[in-house]
Each structure stands twice: as C-alpha cells, then as structure tokens.
Amino acid sequence: MSENTESEDIPQPEPIQEEILRRDLVFDVRFLEDLTFWVETNRKTALRLLSIVEEIRRNPFEGTGKPERLKYQNANVWSRRLTQTDRIVYLVSENRIEFLQARYHYNDR
C-alpha cells in the first residue's frame, strides 16, 4: 500500500518578505544626559532603556512600555514607560527616530 501524499499536490504560499523600514537614530542632548544619569544611578534601568531603544528601532509603535502617541504634542511624538514615573519620549518620522528624553513624565523637568 502506498502512502497518500496529498499535501504535495497543494500549492504552498510564497514566504512573506517583510520589508523593514530603516530609520536613522538621533539622540537629543537631553536624552544622552538622561542615559548618563541612569548609568550612574541605576544600571538596571539603564539596561532596560537600551533594550527599549532597540525595540523602538525595530518597531516604534508596538512593544514594551505601552507605546502611546502623545495627544497634545506633535502627531509623531510617542512615549513609553521606562519606570513607574519616567518615560522615554521620541519623535518618529519617515527617515529617523529622534530620542528626546528618558526621565520624568514628558516635560516635567
């Protein structure tokens, strides 16, 4: 008895080629100051920050930290939770992602 090989007759879909949009990463002086603060005071938060930056690079609109478009800012300004009280704020455009701050809650400086 031969084994039925019906699956060989079924056409298989083409693999989906996901196009990754390449954007330059730009770090505002305030963001770099905030990163320095975290490295000096709380390395665990600094590592979380770097991990989220990498995640934002891959997909600025989904992922860790509850990404949220800021309603009262430019339409392309987003934030993510870094800690309970601190946020990462970044501006997304077609060609780049500009990281604006990584401490405080939006502009509570």
C-alpha atoms as a PDB file:
ATOM      1  CA  MET A   1       0.000   0.000   0.000  1.00  0.00           C
ATOM      2  CA  SER A   2       1.372   3.405  -0.885  1.00  0.00           C
ATOM      3  CA  GLU A   3       1.102   6.333   1.482  1.00  0.00           C
ATOM      4  CA  ASN A   4      -1.243   9.134   0.453  1.00  0.00           C
ATOM      5  CA  THR A   5       0.762  12.296  -0.288  1.00  0.00           C
ATOM      6  CA  GLU A   6      -1.983  14.795  -0.959  1.00  0.00           C
ATOM      7  CA  SER A   7      -0.026  17.605   0.709  1.00  0.00           C
ATOM      8  CA  GLU A   8       2.469  17.509  -2.165  1.00  0.00           C
ATOM      9  CA  ASP A   9      -0.330  18.500  -4.554  1.00  0.00           C
ATOM     10  CA  ILE A  10      -1.433  21.530  -2.520  1.00  0.00           C
ATOM     11  CA  PRO A  11       0.312  24.713  -3.625  1.00  0.00           C
ATOM     12  CA  GLN A  12       2.275  26.338  -0.816  1.00  0.00           C
ATOM     13  CA  PRO A  13       2.069  30.111  -0.270  1.00  0.00           C
ATOM     14  CA  GLU A  14       5.099  32.226  -1.059  1.00  0.00           C
ATOM     15  CA  PRO A  15       7.075  33.251   2.030  1.00  0.00           C
ATOM     16  CA  ILE A  16       6.192  36.764   3.116  1.00  0.00           C
ATOM     17  CA  GLN A  17       9.079  39.155   2.698  1.00  0.00           C
ATOM     18  CA  GLU A  18       8.722  41.707   5.480  1.00  0.00           C
ATOM     19  CA  GLU A  19      10.273  44.982   4.451  1.00  0.00           C
ATOM     20  CA  ILE A  20      11.999  46.576   7.397  1.00  0.00           C
ATOM     21  CA  LEU A  21      11.893  50.344   7.264  1.00  0.00           C
ATOM     22  CA  ARG A  22      15.331  51.717   8.009  1.00  0.00           C
ATOM     23  CA  ARG A  23      15.437  54.880  10.077  1.00  0.00           C
ATOM     24  CA  ASP A  24      18.393  56.826  11.440  1.00  0.00           C
ATOM     25  CA  LEU A  25      18.531  57.072  15.215  1.00  0.00           C
ATOM     26  CA  VAL A  26      19.171  60.569  16.589  1.00  0.00           C
ATOM     27  CA  PHE A  27      19.792  61.220  20.284  1.00  0.00           C
ATOM     28  CA  ASP A  28      18.980  64.648  21.720  1.00  0.00           C
ATOM     29  CA  VAL A  29      21.424  66.051  24.287  1.00  0.00           C
ATOM     30  CA  ARG A  30      18.715  65.743  26.989  1.00  0.00           C
ATOM     31  CA  PHE A  31      18.288  62.064  26.168  1.00  0.00           C
ATOM     32  CA  LEU A  32      22.043  61.455  26.441  1.00  0.00           C
ATOM     33  CA  GLU A  33      22.105  63.284  29.790  1.00  0.00           C
ATOM     34  CA  ASP A  34      19.251  61.070  30.966  1.00  0.00           C
ATOM     35  CA  LEU A  35      21.071  57.935  29.804  1.00  0.00           C
ATOM     36  CA  THR A  36      24.181  59.065  31.705  1.00  0.00           C
ATOM     37  CA  PHE A  37      22.040  59.614  34.804  1.00  0.00           C
ATOM     38  CA  TRP A  38      20.656  56.068  34.596  1.00  0.00           C
ATOM     39  CA  VAL A  39      24.093  54.507  34.023  1.00  0.00           C
ATOM     40  CA  GLU A  40      25.418  56.308  37.116  1.00  0.00           C
ATOM     41  CA  THR A  41      22.424  55.743  39.411  1.00  0.00           C
ATOM     42  CA  ASN A  42      20.533  52.628  38.309  1.00  0.00           C
ATOM     43  CA  ARG A  43      22.187  50.271  35.866  1.00  0.00           C
ATOM     44  CA  LYS A  44      19.143  48.019  35.677  1.00  0.00           C
ATOM     45  CA  THR A  45      17.063  50.940  34.378  1.00  0.00           C
ATOM     46  CA  ALA A  46      19.893  51.911  32.005  1.00  0.00           C
ATOM     47  CA  LEU A  47      19.863  48.395  30.533  1.00  0.00           C
ATOM     48  CA  ARG A  48      16.073  48.483  30.240  1.00  0.00           C
ATOM     49  CA  LEU A  49      16.365  51.834  28.448  1.00  0.00           C
ATOM     50  CA  LEU A  50      18.851  50.446  25.923  1.00  0.00           C
ATOM     51  CA  SER A  51      16.661  47.397  25.370  1.00  0.00           C
ATOM     52  CA  ILE A  52      13.612  49.587  24.695  1.00  0.00           C
ATOM     53  CA  VAL A  53      15.642  51.807  22.327  1.00  0.00           C
ATOM     54  CA  GLU A  54      16.484  48.693  20.302  1.00  0.00           C
ATOM     55  CA  GLU A  55      12.834  47.658  20.338  1.00  0.00           C
ATOM     56  CA  ILE A  56      11.767  51.130  19.179  1.00  0.00           C
ATOM     57  CA  ARG A  57      14.311  50.902  16.361  1.00  0.00           C
ATOM     58  CA  ARG A  58      12.586  47.743  15.137  1.00  0.00           C
ATOM     59  CA  ASN A  59       9.014  48.950  15.681  1.00  0.00           C
ATOM     60  CA  PRO A  60       8.355  52.407  17.139  1.00  0.00           C
ATOM     61  CA  PHE A  61       4.616  51.835  17.586  1.00  0.00           C
ATOM     62  CA  GLU A  62       4.336  48.480  19.415  1.00  0.00           C
ATOM     63  CA  GLY A  63       6.099  46.639  22.208  1.00  0.00           C
ATOM     64  CA  THR A  64       7.356  47.086  25.756  1.00  0.00           C
ATOM     65  CA  GLY A  65       6.387  50.080  27.860  1.00  0.00           C
ATOM     66  CA  LYS A  66       2.908  50.677  26.448  1.00  0.00           C
ATOM     67  CA  PRO A  67       3.736  52.874  23.436  1.00  0.00           C
ATOM     68  CA  GLU A  68       1.425  55.871  23.332  1.00  0.00           C
ATOM     69  CA  ARG A  69       1.128  58.713  20.852  1.00  0.00           C
ATOM     70  CA  LEU A  70       1.120  61.956  22.805  1.00  0.00           C
ATOM     71  CA  LYS A  71      -2.128  63.780  22.120  1.00  0.00           C
ATOM     72  CA  TYR A  72      -1.021  67.296  22.946  1.00  0.00           C
ATOM     73  CA  GLN A  73       2.329  67.173  21.171  1.00  0.00           C
ATOM     74  CA  ASN A  74       3.296  66.848  17.529  1.00  0.00           C
ATOM     75  CA  ALA A  75       1.321  63.968  15.990  1.00  0.00           C
ATOM     76  CA  ASN A  76       4.505  61.928  15.616  1.00  0.00           C
ATOM     77  CA  VAL A  77       5.693  62.176  19.234  1.00  0.00           C
ATOM     78  CA  TRP A  78       5.411  58.930  21.183  1.00  0.00           C
ATOM     79  CA  SER A  79       6.241  57.802  24.702  1.00  0.00           C
ATOM     80  CA  ARG A  80       6.888  54.536  26.507  1.00  0.00           C
ATOM     81  CA  ARG A  81       7.127  53.737  30.189  1.00  0.00           C
ATOM     82  CA  LEU A  82      10.661  53.280  31.431  1.00  0.00           C
ATOM     83  CA  THR A  83       9.838  53.208  35.146  1.00  0.00           C
ATOM     84  CA  GLN A  84       6.681  53.904  37.097  1.00  0.00           C
ATOM     85  CA  THR A  85       7.374  57.652  36.920  1.00  0.00           C
ATOM     86  CA  ASP A  86       9.779  58.034  33.972  1.00  0.00           C
ATOM     87  CA  ARG A  87       9.059  57.956  30.250  1.00  0.00           C
ATOM     88  CA  ILE A  88      11.048  57.643  27.051  1.00  0.00           C
ATOM     89  CA  VAL A  89       9.834  60.292  24.622  1.00  0.00           C
ATOM     90  CA  TYR A  90      10.687  60.046  20.933  1.00  0.00           C
ATOM     91  CA  LEU A  91       9.746  61.625  17.625  1.00  0.00           C
ATOM     92  CA  VAL A  92       9.122  59.323  14.663  1.00  0.00           C
ATOM     93  CA  SER A  93       9.463  60.455  11.063  1.00  0.00           C
ATOM     94  CA  GLU A  94       9.814  58.570   7.807  1.00  0.00           C
ATOM     95  CA  ASN A  95      13.625  58.613   7.846  1.00  0.00           C
ATOM     96  CA  ARG A  96      14.533  58.841  11.520  1.00  0.00           C
ATOM     97  CA  ILE A  97      13.651  58.356  15.154  1.00  0.00           C
ATOM     98  CA  GLU A  98      14.748  61.148  17.466  1.00  0.00           C
ATOM     99  CA  PHE A  99      15.002  60.223  21.136  1.00  0.00           C
ATOM    100  CA  LEU A 100      14.111  63.319  23.181  1.00  0.00           C
ATOM    101  CA  GLN A 101      14.182  62.290  26.849  1.00  0.00           C
ATOM    102  CA  ALA A 102      14.381  59.279  29.147  1.00  0.00           C
ATOM    103  CA  ARG A 103      13.482  60.725  32.545  1.00  0.00           C
ATOM    104  CA  TYR A 104      10.484  62.309  34.164  1.00  0.00           C
ATOM    105  CA  HIS A 105       6.950  62.265  32.846  1.00  0.00           C
ATOM    106  CA  TYR A 106       7.005  64.028  29.478  1.00  0.00           C
ATOM    107  CA  ASN A 107       8.276  67.575  30.097  1.00  0.00           C
ATOM    108  CA  ASP A 108       8.215  67.587  33.931  1.00  0.00           C
ATOM    109  CA  ARG A 109      11.745  68.991  34.163  1.00  0.00           C
END
